N, C-alpha and C. Protein backbone atom coordinates (compact mmCIF):
# COMPACT_ATOMS: atom_id res chain seq x y z
N MET A 1 -18.87 15.51 -12.79
CA MET A 1 -19.39 14.21 -12.40
C MET A 1 -18.24 13.40 -11.80
N GLU A 2 -18.44 12.96 -10.58
CA GLU A 2 -17.43 12.14 -9.92
C GLU A 2 -17.79 10.66 -10.09
N ILE A 3 -16.80 9.89 -10.55
CA ILE A 3 -16.96 8.45 -10.72
C ILE A 3 -16.17 7.77 -9.61
N ILE A 4 -16.86 6.99 -8.80
CA ILE A 4 -16.22 6.26 -7.70
C ILE A 4 -16.16 4.79 -8.10
N ILE A 5 -14.96 4.21 -8.02
CA ILE A 5 -14.77 2.79 -8.29
C ILE A 5 -14.54 2.10 -6.95
N ARG A 6 -15.27 1.03 -6.73
CA ARG A 6 -15.14 0.28 -5.47
C ARG A 6 -15.39 -1.20 -5.74
N PRO A 7 -14.99 -2.08 -4.82
CA PRO A 7 -15.28 -3.50 -4.98
C PRO A 7 -16.79 -3.76 -5.02
N THR A 8 -17.17 -4.74 -5.78
CA THR A 8 -18.57 -5.13 -5.89
C THR A 8 -19.03 -5.82 -4.61
N LEU A 9 -20.23 -5.50 -4.18
CA LEU A 9 -20.84 -6.13 -3.01
C LEU A 9 -22.03 -6.98 -3.46
N VAL A 10 -22.40 -7.94 -2.64
CA VAL A 10 -23.59 -8.75 -2.94
C VAL A 10 -24.82 -7.85 -3.06
N SER A 11 -24.84 -6.79 -2.29
CA SER A 11 -25.98 -5.87 -2.33
C SER A 11 -26.07 -5.10 -3.66
N ASP A 12 -25.08 -5.22 -4.52
CA ASP A 12 -25.10 -4.59 -5.84
C ASP A 12 -25.82 -5.45 -6.88
N ALA A 13 -26.32 -6.59 -6.50
CA ALA A 13 -26.92 -7.54 -7.46
C ALA A 13 -28.03 -6.89 -8.28
N ALA A 14 -28.91 -6.14 -7.66
CA ALA A 14 -30.02 -5.52 -8.40
C ALA A 14 -29.49 -4.52 -9.43
N ALA A 15 -28.48 -3.75 -9.07
CA ALA A 15 -27.91 -2.77 -10.00
C ALA A 15 -27.25 -3.48 -11.18
N LEU A 16 -26.55 -4.58 -10.92
CA LEU A 16 -25.91 -5.32 -12.01
C LEU A 16 -26.96 -5.96 -12.91
N CYS A 17 -28.02 -6.44 -12.30
CA CYS A 17 -29.13 -6.99 -13.08
C CYS A 17 -29.69 -5.91 -14.01
N ASP A 18 -29.80 -4.69 -13.53
CA ASP A 18 -30.29 -3.58 -14.35
C ASP A 18 -29.30 -3.24 -15.46
N ILE A 19 -28.02 -3.15 -15.13
CA ILE A 19 -27.00 -2.82 -16.14
C ILE A 19 -27.02 -3.84 -17.28
N TYR A 20 -27.03 -5.11 -16.93
CA TYR A 20 -26.94 -6.16 -17.96
C TYR A 20 -28.30 -6.49 -18.59
N SER A 21 -29.33 -5.75 -18.19
CA SER A 21 -30.64 -5.84 -18.86
C SER A 21 -30.78 -4.78 -19.95
N GLN A 22 -29.86 -3.86 -20.01
CA GLN A 22 -29.91 -2.78 -20.99
C GLN A 22 -29.66 -3.32 -22.40
N PRO A 23 -30.27 -2.72 -23.42
CA PRO A 23 -30.11 -3.21 -24.80
C PRO A 23 -28.65 -3.32 -25.27
N ASN A 24 -27.82 -2.29 -24.98
CA ASN A 24 -26.43 -2.37 -25.43
C ASN A 24 -25.66 -3.46 -24.70
N ALA A 25 -25.90 -3.60 -23.40
CA ALA A 25 -25.21 -4.64 -22.65
C ALA A 25 -25.60 -6.02 -23.16
N GLN A 26 -26.88 -6.21 -23.46
CA GLN A 26 -27.32 -7.49 -23.99
C GLN A 26 -26.69 -7.75 -25.36
N ARG A 27 -26.54 -6.71 -26.14
CA ARG A 27 -25.99 -6.86 -27.48
C ARG A 27 -24.48 -7.07 -27.48
N GLU A 28 -23.77 -6.39 -26.60
CA GLU A 28 -22.31 -6.36 -26.69
C GLU A 28 -21.56 -7.19 -25.66
N THR A 29 -22.24 -7.79 -24.70
CA THR A 29 -21.55 -8.67 -23.75
C THR A 29 -22.01 -10.10 -23.98
N LEU A 30 -21.41 -11.01 -23.27
CA LEU A 30 -21.80 -12.42 -23.41
C LEU A 30 -22.87 -12.81 -22.39
N GLN A 31 -23.45 -11.81 -21.72
CA GLN A 31 -24.55 -12.07 -20.80
C GLN A 31 -25.81 -12.40 -21.60
N LEU A 32 -26.65 -13.22 -21.03
CA LEU A 32 -27.92 -13.53 -21.67
C LEU A 32 -28.95 -12.46 -21.33
N PRO A 33 -29.93 -12.26 -22.20
CA PRO A 33 -30.97 -11.25 -21.92
C PRO A 33 -31.78 -11.60 -20.68
N LYS A 34 -32.38 -10.58 -20.10
CA LYS A 34 -33.28 -10.71 -18.97
C LYS A 34 -32.67 -11.49 -17.79
N PRO A 35 -31.51 -11.00 -17.30
CA PRO A 35 -30.91 -11.70 -16.16
C PRO A 35 -31.79 -11.57 -14.92
N SER A 36 -31.69 -12.55 -14.05
CA SER A 36 -32.51 -12.51 -12.83
C SER A 36 -31.69 -12.00 -11.65
N LEU A 37 -32.40 -11.43 -10.71
CA LEU A 37 -31.76 -10.98 -9.48
C LEU A 37 -31.15 -12.17 -8.74
N THR A 38 -31.83 -13.30 -8.75
CA THR A 38 -31.32 -14.50 -8.09
C THR A 38 -29.99 -14.93 -8.69
N MET A 39 -29.89 -14.92 -10.02
CA MET A 39 -28.64 -15.30 -10.69
C MET A 39 -27.50 -14.38 -10.28
N TRP A 40 -27.75 -13.07 -10.28
CA TRP A 40 -26.69 -12.13 -9.91
C TRP A 40 -26.31 -12.26 -8.43
N THR A 41 -27.29 -12.48 -7.59
CA THR A 41 -26.98 -12.65 -6.16
C THR A 41 -26.11 -13.88 -5.96
N LYS A 42 -26.47 -15.00 -6.57
CA LYS A 42 -25.67 -16.23 -6.45
C LYS A 42 -24.27 -16.02 -7.00
N ARG A 43 -24.17 -15.34 -8.14
CA ARG A 43 -22.86 -15.11 -8.75
C ARG A 43 -21.97 -14.29 -7.81
N LEU A 44 -22.54 -13.26 -7.19
CA LEU A 44 -21.74 -12.42 -6.30
C LEU A 44 -21.43 -13.10 -4.97
N GLU A 45 -22.29 -13.99 -4.54
CA GLU A 45 -22.03 -14.73 -3.29
C GLU A 45 -20.98 -15.81 -3.46
N ASN A 46 -20.75 -16.24 -4.69
CA ASN A 46 -19.86 -17.37 -4.94
C ASN A 46 -18.77 -17.02 -5.95
N MET A 47 -18.07 -15.93 -5.70
CA MET A 47 -17.00 -15.51 -6.61
C MET A 47 -15.85 -16.52 -6.56
N PRO A 48 -15.46 -17.02 -7.72
CA PRO A 48 -14.34 -17.97 -7.75
C PRO A 48 -13.02 -17.31 -7.35
N GLU A 49 -12.08 -18.11 -6.93
CA GLU A 49 -10.75 -17.61 -6.61
C GLU A 49 -10.15 -16.98 -7.87
N GLY A 50 -9.50 -15.85 -7.70
CA GLY A 50 -8.87 -15.19 -8.82
C GLY A 50 -9.78 -14.25 -9.59
N VAL A 51 -11.02 -14.08 -9.15
CA VAL A 51 -11.93 -13.15 -9.82
C VAL A 51 -12.08 -11.91 -8.93
N TYR A 52 -11.87 -10.77 -9.56
CA TYR A 52 -11.94 -9.49 -8.86
C TYR A 52 -13.00 -8.64 -9.56
N SER A 53 -13.98 -8.18 -8.82
CA SER A 53 -15.09 -7.45 -9.41
C SER A 53 -15.19 -6.06 -8.79
N PHE A 54 -15.44 -5.07 -9.65
CA PHE A 54 -15.56 -3.68 -9.23
C PHE A 54 -16.79 -3.06 -9.88
N VAL A 55 -17.34 -2.06 -9.21
CA VAL A 55 -18.43 -1.28 -9.78
C VAL A 55 -18.03 0.17 -9.84
N ALA A 56 -18.70 0.89 -10.73
CA ALA A 56 -18.56 2.34 -10.83
C ALA A 56 -19.85 2.96 -10.32
N GLU A 57 -19.70 3.96 -9.46
CA GLU A 57 -20.85 4.69 -8.91
C GLU A 57 -20.80 6.14 -9.35
N VAL A 58 -21.96 6.66 -9.69
CA VAL A 58 -22.13 8.09 -9.97
C VAL A 58 -23.30 8.55 -9.11
N ASP A 59 -23.07 9.51 -8.25
CA ASP A 59 -24.11 10.03 -7.35
C ASP A 59 -24.80 8.91 -6.58
N GLY A 60 -24.01 7.94 -6.11
CA GLY A 60 -24.53 6.84 -5.31
C GLY A 60 -25.21 5.73 -6.10
N ARG A 61 -25.27 5.86 -7.42
CA ARG A 61 -25.91 4.84 -8.26
C ARG A 61 -24.84 4.00 -8.96
N VAL A 62 -24.98 2.68 -8.89
CA VAL A 62 -24.06 1.79 -9.59
C VAL A 62 -24.42 1.81 -11.07
N VAL A 63 -23.45 2.22 -11.91
CA VAL A 63 -23.70 2.39 -13.34
C VAL A 63 -22.74 1.61 -14.23
N GLY A 64 -21.79 0.89 -13.63
CA GLY A 64 -20.85 0.11 -14.41
C GLY A 64 -20.26 -1.01 -13.58
N ASN A 65 -19.72 -1.99 -14.28
CA ASN A 65 -19.15 -3.17 -13.62
C ASN A 65 -18.02 -3.73 -14.48
N ILE A 66 -16.99 -4.22 -13.81
CA ILE A 66 -15.92 -4.93 -14.50
C ILE A 66 -15.49 -6.09 -13.62
N GLY A 67 -15.20 -7.20 -14.25
CA GLY A 67 -14.69 -8.36 -13.54
C GLY A 67 -13.40 -8.82 -14.20
N LEU A 68 -12.34 -8.91 -13.42
CA LEU A 68 -11.05 -9.39 -13.90
C LEU A 68 -10.87 -10.82 -13.41
N GLU A 69 -10.58 -11.71 -14.33
CA GLU A 69 -10.32 -13.11 -13.96
C GLU A 69 -8.84 -13.40 -14.17
N HIS A 70 -8.14 -13.57 -13.04
CA HIS A 70 -6.71 -13.88 -13.05
C HIS A 70 -6.57 -15.40 -13.06
N SER A 71 -5.93 -15.90 -14.10
CA SER A 71 -5.81 -17.35 -14.24
C SER A 71 -5.11 -17.96 -13.03
N GLN A 72 -5.67 -19.06 -12.54
CA GLN A 72 -5.10 -19.77 -11.40
C GLN A 72 -4.29 -21.00 -11.85
N ARG A 73 -4.19 -21.20 -13.15
CA ARG A 73 -3.42 -22.31 -13.70
C ARG A 73 -1.95 -21.90 -13.75
N PRO A 74 -1.04 -22.69 -13.21
CA PRO A 74 0.36 -22.28 -13.08
C PRO A 74 1.02 -21.79 -14.37
N ARG A 75 0.80 -22.44 -15.48
CA ARG A 75 1.50 -22.06 -16.70
C ARG A 75 0.93 -20.82 -17.37
N ILE A 76 -0.26 -20.39 -16.97
CA ILE A 76 -0.82 -19.15 -17.52
C ILE A 76 -1.22 -18.19 -16.40
N ALA A 77 -0.55 -18.30 -15.27
CA ALA A 77 -0.83 -17.42 -14.14
C ALA A 77 -0.42 -15.98 -14.42
N HIS A 78 0.29 -15.77 -15.50
CA HIS A 78 0.67 -14.40 -15.90
C HIS A 78 -0.41 -13.75 -16.77
N CYS A 79 -1.54 -14.44 -16.97
CA CYS A 79 -2.61 -13.95 -17.85
C CYS A 79 -3.89 -13.65 -17.06
N ALA A 80 -4.62 -12.70 -17.57
CA ALA A 80 -5.93 -12.37 -17.00
C ALA A 80 -6.84 -11.92 -18.15
N SER A 81 -8.14 -11.98 -17.90
CA SER A 81 -9.11 -11.48 -18.87
C SER A 81 -10.17 -10.71 -18.10
N PHE A 82 -10.96 -9.92 -18.83
CA PHE A 82 -12.01 -9.18 -18.13
C PHE A 82 -13.26 -9.09 -18.98
N GLY A 83 -14.36 -8.81 -18.27
CA GLY A 83 -15.63 -8.50 -18.89
C GLY A 83 -16.12 -7.20 -18.27
N ILE A 84 -16.80 -6.39 -19.06
CA ILE A 84 -17.19 -5.06 -18.61
C ILE A 84 -18.57 -4.71 -19.13
N GLY A 85 -19.31 -3.96 -18.34
CA GLY A 85 -20.61 -3.45 -18.77
C GLY A 85 -20.88 -2.10 -18.14
N VAL A 86 -21.45 -1.20 -18.94
CA VAL A 86 -21.82 0.13 -18.46
C VAL A 86 -23.29 0.35 -18.82
N HIS A 87 -24.04 0.89 -17.89
CA HIS A 87 -25.45 1.18 -18.12
C HIS A 87 -25.60 2.03 -19.37
N ASP A 88 -26.58 1.72 -20.20
CA ASP A 88 -26.77 2.44 -21.47
C ASP A 88 -26.86 3.95 -21.30
N ASP A 89 -27.45 4.41 -20.20
CA ASP A 89 -27.62 5.85 -19.98
C ASP A 89 -26.30 6.56 -19.62
N PHE A 90 -25.23 5.80 -19.42
CA PHE A 90 -23.96 6.38 -18.96
C PHE A 90 -22.80 6.11 -19.91
N HIS A 91 -23.08 5.71 -21.14
CA HIS A 91 -22.02 5.49 -22.13
C HIS A 91 -21.40 6.83 -22.51
N GLY A 92 -20.12 6.80 -22.81
CA GLY A 92 -19.43 7.98 -23.29
C GLY A 92 -19.02 8.98 -22.22
N LEU A 93 -19.10 8.59 -20.96
CA LEU A 93 -18.77 9.51 -19.87
C LEU A 93 -17.47 9.15 -19.15
N GLY A 94 -16.74 8.17 -19.67
CA GLY A 94 -15.46 7.78 -19.07
C GLY A 94 -15.57 6.70 -18.02
N ILE A 95 -16.74 6.14 -17.84
CA ILE A 95 -16.93 5.11 -16.81
C ILE A 95 -16.18 3.84 -17.16
N GLY A 96 -16.31 3.39 -18.40
CA GLY A 96 -15.57 2.20 -18.84
C GLY A 96 -14.08 2.39 -18.68
N SER A 97 -13.59 3.57 -19.04
CA SER A 97 -12.15 3.85 -18.91
C SER A 97 -11.69 3.77 -17.46
N LYS A 98 -12.47 4.33 -16.54
CA LYS A 98 -12.12 4.27 -15.11
C LYS A 98 -12.08 2.83 -14.61
N LEU A 99 -13.04 2.02 -15.06
CA LEU A 99 -13.07 0.62 -14.65
C LEU A 99 -11.86 -0.13 -15.22
N ILE A 100 -11.52 0.11 -16.48
CA ILE A 100 -10.37 -0.55 -17.09
C ILE A 100 -9.08 -0.12 -16.39
N GLU A 101 -8.94 1.18 -16.09
CA GLU A 101 -7.76 1.65 -15.35
C GLU A 101 -7.60 0.90 -14.04
N THR A 102 -8.72 0.64 -13.37
CA THR A 102 -8.69 -0.05 -12.07
C THR A 102 -8.12 -1.45 -12.21
N VAL A 103 -8.59 -2.22 -13.20
CA VAL A 103 -8.10 -3.60 -13.31
C VAL A 103 -6.69 -3.65 -13.90
N ILE A 104 -6.32 -2.67 -14.73
CA ILE A 104 -4.94 -2.63 -15.23
C ILE A 104 -3.98 -2.37 -14.07
N ASP A 105 -4.34 -1.44 -13.20
CA ASP A 105 -3.49 -1.18 -12.03
C ASP A 105 -3.37 -2.43 -11.16
N LEU A 106 -4.48 -3.10 -10.91
CA LEU A 106 -4.46 -4.32 -10.10
C LEU A 106 -3.57 -5.38 -10.77
N ALA A 107 -3.75 -5.58 -12.06
CA ALA A 107 -2.99 -6.60 -12.79
C ALA A 107 -1.50 -6.27 -12.82
N ASP A 108 -1.18 -5.03 -13.18
CA ASP A 108 0.23 -4.63 -13.35
C ASP A 108 0.99 -4.52 -12.05
N ASN A 109 0.36 -3.98 -11.02
CA ASN A 109 1.10 -3.61 -9.82
C ASN A 109 0.89 -4.50 -8.61
N TRP A 110 -0.04 -5.44 -8.72
CA TRP A 110 -0.35 -6.27 -7.56
C TRP A 110 -0.43 -7.76 -7.85
N LEU A 111 -0.82 -8.13 -9.06
CA LEU A 111 -1.04 -9.55 -9.37
C LEU A 111 0.05 -10.17 -10.25
N GLN A 112 1.03 -9.38 -10.67
CA GLN A 112 2.10 -9.85 -11.55
C GLN A 112 1.56 -10.39 -12.87
N VAL A 113 0.51 -9.78 -13.37
CA VAL A 113 -0.06 -10.18 -14.65
C VAL A 113 0.73 -9.50 -15.76
N LYS A 114 1.15 -10.27 -16.73
CA LYS A 114 1.89 -9.76 -17.88
C LYS A 114 0.96 -9.50 -19.07
N ARG A 115 -0.11 -10.32 -19.19
CA ARG A 115 -0.99 -10.26 -20.35
C ARG A 115 -2.45 -10.15 -19.89
N ILE A 116 -3.15 -9.12 -20.38
CA ILE A 116 -4.58 -9.00 -20.16
C ILE A 116 -5.24 -9.14 -21.52
N GLN A 117 -6.25 -9.99 -21.59
CA GLN A 117 -6.90 -10.24 -22.87
C GLN A 117 -8.41 -10.10 -22.75
N ILE A 118 -9.01 -9.83 -23.90
CA ILE A 118 -10.46 -9.70 -23.97
C ILE A 118 -10.90 -10.09 -25.37
N GLU A 119 -12.11 -10.59 -25.45
CA GLU A 119 -12.73 -10.87 -26.73
C GLU A 119 -13.85 -9.85 -26.91
N VAL A 120 -13.92 -9.25 -28.09
CA VAL A 120 -14.89 -8.17 -28.34
C VAL A 120 -15.54 -8.39 -29.70
N ASN A 121 -16.82 -8.08 -29.80
CA ASN A 121 -17.51 -8.19 -31.09
C ASN A 121 -16.80 -7.29 -32.10
N SER A 122 -16.55 -7.83 -33.29
CA SER A 122 -15.76 -7.10 -34.28
C SER A 122 -16.45 -5.83 -34.79
N ASP A 123 -17.75 -5.69 -34.56
CA ASP A 123 -18.46 -4.48 -34.99
C ASP A 123 -18.66 -3.48 -33.85
N ASN A 124 -18.08 -3.74 -32.70
CA ASN A 124 -18.22 -2.84 -31.55
C ASN A 124 -17.07 -1.82 -31.57
N GLU A 125 -17.19 -0.86 -32.47
CA GLU A 125 -16.10 0.09 -32.73
C GLU A 125 -15.75 0.95 -31.51
N LYS A 126 -16.74 1.33 -30.72
CA LYS A 126 -16.46 2.17 -29.55
C LYS A 126 -15.64 1.42 -28.51
N ALA A 127 -16.01 0.15 -28.26
CA ALA A 127 -15.25 -0.64 -27.29
C ALA A 127 -13.83 -0.90 -27.79
N ILE A 128 -13.70 -1.22 -29.07
CA ILE A 128 -12.37 -1.48 -29.65
C ILE A 128 -11.49 -0.24 -29.50
N ALA A 129 -12.04 0.94 -29.79
CA ALA A 129 -11.28 2.19 -29.64
C ALA A 129 -10.88 2.42 -28.19
N CYS A 130 -11.78 2.12 -27.27
CA CYS A 130 -11.47 2.28 -25.84
C CYS A 130 -10.33 1.35 -25.44
N TYR A 131 -10.39 0.09 -25.84
CA TYR A 131 -9.34 -0.86 -25.48
C TYR A 131 -8.01 -0.46 -26.09
N LYS A 132 -8.03 0.01 -27.34
CA LYS A 132 -6.78 0.45 -27.99
C LYS A 132 -6.15 1.61 -27.23
N LYS A 133 -6.98 2.47 -26.66
CA LYS A 133 -6.48 3.61 -25.87
C LYS A 133 -5.60 3.13 -24.71
N PHE A 134 -5.86 1.93 -24.22
CA PHE A 134 -5.11 1.37 -23.10
C PHE A 134 -4.01 0.40 -23.55
N GLY A 135 -3.72 0.40 -24.85
CA GLY A 135 -2.63 -0.43 -25.35
C GLY A 135 -3.02 -1.82 -25.80
N PHE A 136 -4.31 -2.12 -25.85
CA PHE A 136 -4.75 -3.42 -26.35
C PHE A 136 -4.62 -3.42 -27.87
N GLU A 137 -4.22 -4.55 -28.41
CA GLU A 137 -4.08 -4.72 -29.85
C GLU A 137 -4.91 -5.90 -30.30
N ILE A 138 -5.41 -5.82 -31.52
CA ILE A 138 -6.14 -6.96 -32.10
C ILE A 138 -5.10 -8.00 -32.50
N GLU A 139 -5.26 -9.21 -31.98
CA GLU A 139 -4.33 -10.30 -32.29
C GLU A 139 -4.90 -11.28 -33.30
N GLY A 140 -6.21 -11.31 -33.41
CA GLY A 140 -6.82 -12.24 -34.34
C GLY A 140 -8.33 -12.08 -34.35
N GLU A 141 -8.95 -12.83 -35.24
CA GLU A 141 -10.41 -12.77 -35.39
C GLU A 141 -10.97 -14.18 -35.37
N ALA A 142 -12.03 -14.35 -34.62
CA ALA A 142 -12.73 -15.63 -34.57
C ALA A 142 -13.97 -15.52 -35.45
N LYS A 143 -13.99 -16.27 -36.52
CA LYS A 143 -15.17 -16.29 -37.39
C LYS A 143 -16.30 -16.98 -36.62
N PHE A 144 -17.49 -16.37 -36.65
CA PHE A 144 -18.64 -16.89 -35.91
C PHE A 144 -18.31 -17.10 -34.43
N GLY A 145 -17.56 -16.15 -33.86
CA GLY A 145 -17.08 -16.27 -32.48
C GLY A 145 -18.14 -16.10 -31.42
N SER A 146 -19.28 -15.53 -31.76
CA SER A 146 -20.34 -15.32 -30.80
C SER A 146 -21.69 -15.41 -31.51
N TYR A 147 -22.72 -15.53 -30.72
CA TYR A 147 -24.08 -15.63 -31.25
C TYR A 147 -24.90 -14.52 -30.64
N ARG A 148 -25.53 -13.69 -31.49
CA ARG A 148 -26.26 -12.53 -31.01
C ARG A 148 -27.45 -12.27 -31.93
N ASP A 149 -28.59 -12.03 -31.34
CA ASP A 149 -29.79 -11.68 -32.10
C ASP A 149 -30.08 -12.66 -33.23
N GLY A 150 -29.86 -13.94 -32.96
CA GLY A 150 -30.17 -14.97 -33.95
C GLY A 150 -29.14 -15.13 -35.05
N GLU A 151 -27.98 -14.48 -34.91
CA GLU A 151 -26.94 -14.58 -35.93
C GLU A 151 -25.57 -14.81 -35.30
N TYR A 152 -24.71 -15.51 -36.02
CA TYR A 152 -23.33 -15.64 -35.61
C TYR A 152 -22.58 -14.39 -36.03
N ILE A 153 -21.71 -13.91 -35.16
CA ILE A 153 -20.90 -12.73 -35.48
C ILE A 153 -19.44 -13.02 -35.20
N ASN A 154 -18.57 -12.28 -35.83
CA ASN A 154 -17.14 -12.44 -35.61
C ASN A 154 -16.73 -11.66 -34.36
N THR A 155 -15.69 -12.15 -33.72
CA THR A 155 -15.13 -11.46 -32.56
C THR A 155 -13.63 -11.28 -32.77
N TYR A 156 -13.09 -10.26 -32.14
CA TYR A 156 -11.65 -10.03 -32.15
C TYR A 156 -11.08 -10.50 -30.81
N PHE A 157 -9.89 -11.08 -30.90
CA PHE A 157 -9.10 -11.34 -29.72
C PHE A 157 -8.16 -10.14 -29.56
N MET A 158 -8.27 -9.45 -28.44
CA MET A 158 -7.41 -8.31 -28.16
C MET A 158 -6.63 -8.59 -26.89
N ALA A 159 -5.42 -8.06 -26.84
CA ALA A 159 -4.60 -8.24 -25.63
C ALA A 159 -3.68 -7.04 -25.45
N ARG A 160 -3.30 -6.88 -24.19
CA ARG A 160 -2.32 -5.86 -23.78
C ARG A 160 -1.24 -6.60 -23.03
N ILE A 161 0.00 -6.41 -23.49
CA ILE A 161 1.15 -7.02 -22.83
C ILE A 161 1.86 -5.93 -22.05
N LYS A 162 2.08 -6.16 -20.76
CA LYS A 162 2.79 -5.18 -19.94
C LYS A 162 4.22 -5.07 -20.43
N ALA A 163 4.66 -3.85 -20.66
CA ALA A 163 6.02 -3.62 -21.17
C ALA A 163 7.06 -3.98 -20.11
């Protein structure tokens, strides 16, 4: 299986709407359930400065997405964060890893980013293991850091510092 990573296009809005409509994506990301095509189209048409978005394709189908937000504030311009989603039918195939590799390369070798951070649900063991594989460490825990399925849940603050 070949995984192709490329920049996100406005024409990918329907595929992103599908990815973030999946049960795992709704549960494990900060996206709201039942996203609309209009919302995704507007989001892709109006990308803020410092936001870099990529998709993963398998056999011509968009099956994953990652967005890196490079801080534009002078005192934290060395920091970036990301959000990621993979279609439920494509978990465990290395797609998330390929997407993370892409933004780490961009951050390390092109944007002069020293620190990449992410917040992850504390019970999302697979995502935590994936991030640790890339050198991310848990720095702290936010009690009631997110709201999901009618309940508050804890989140971990994870970061990777470029050596």
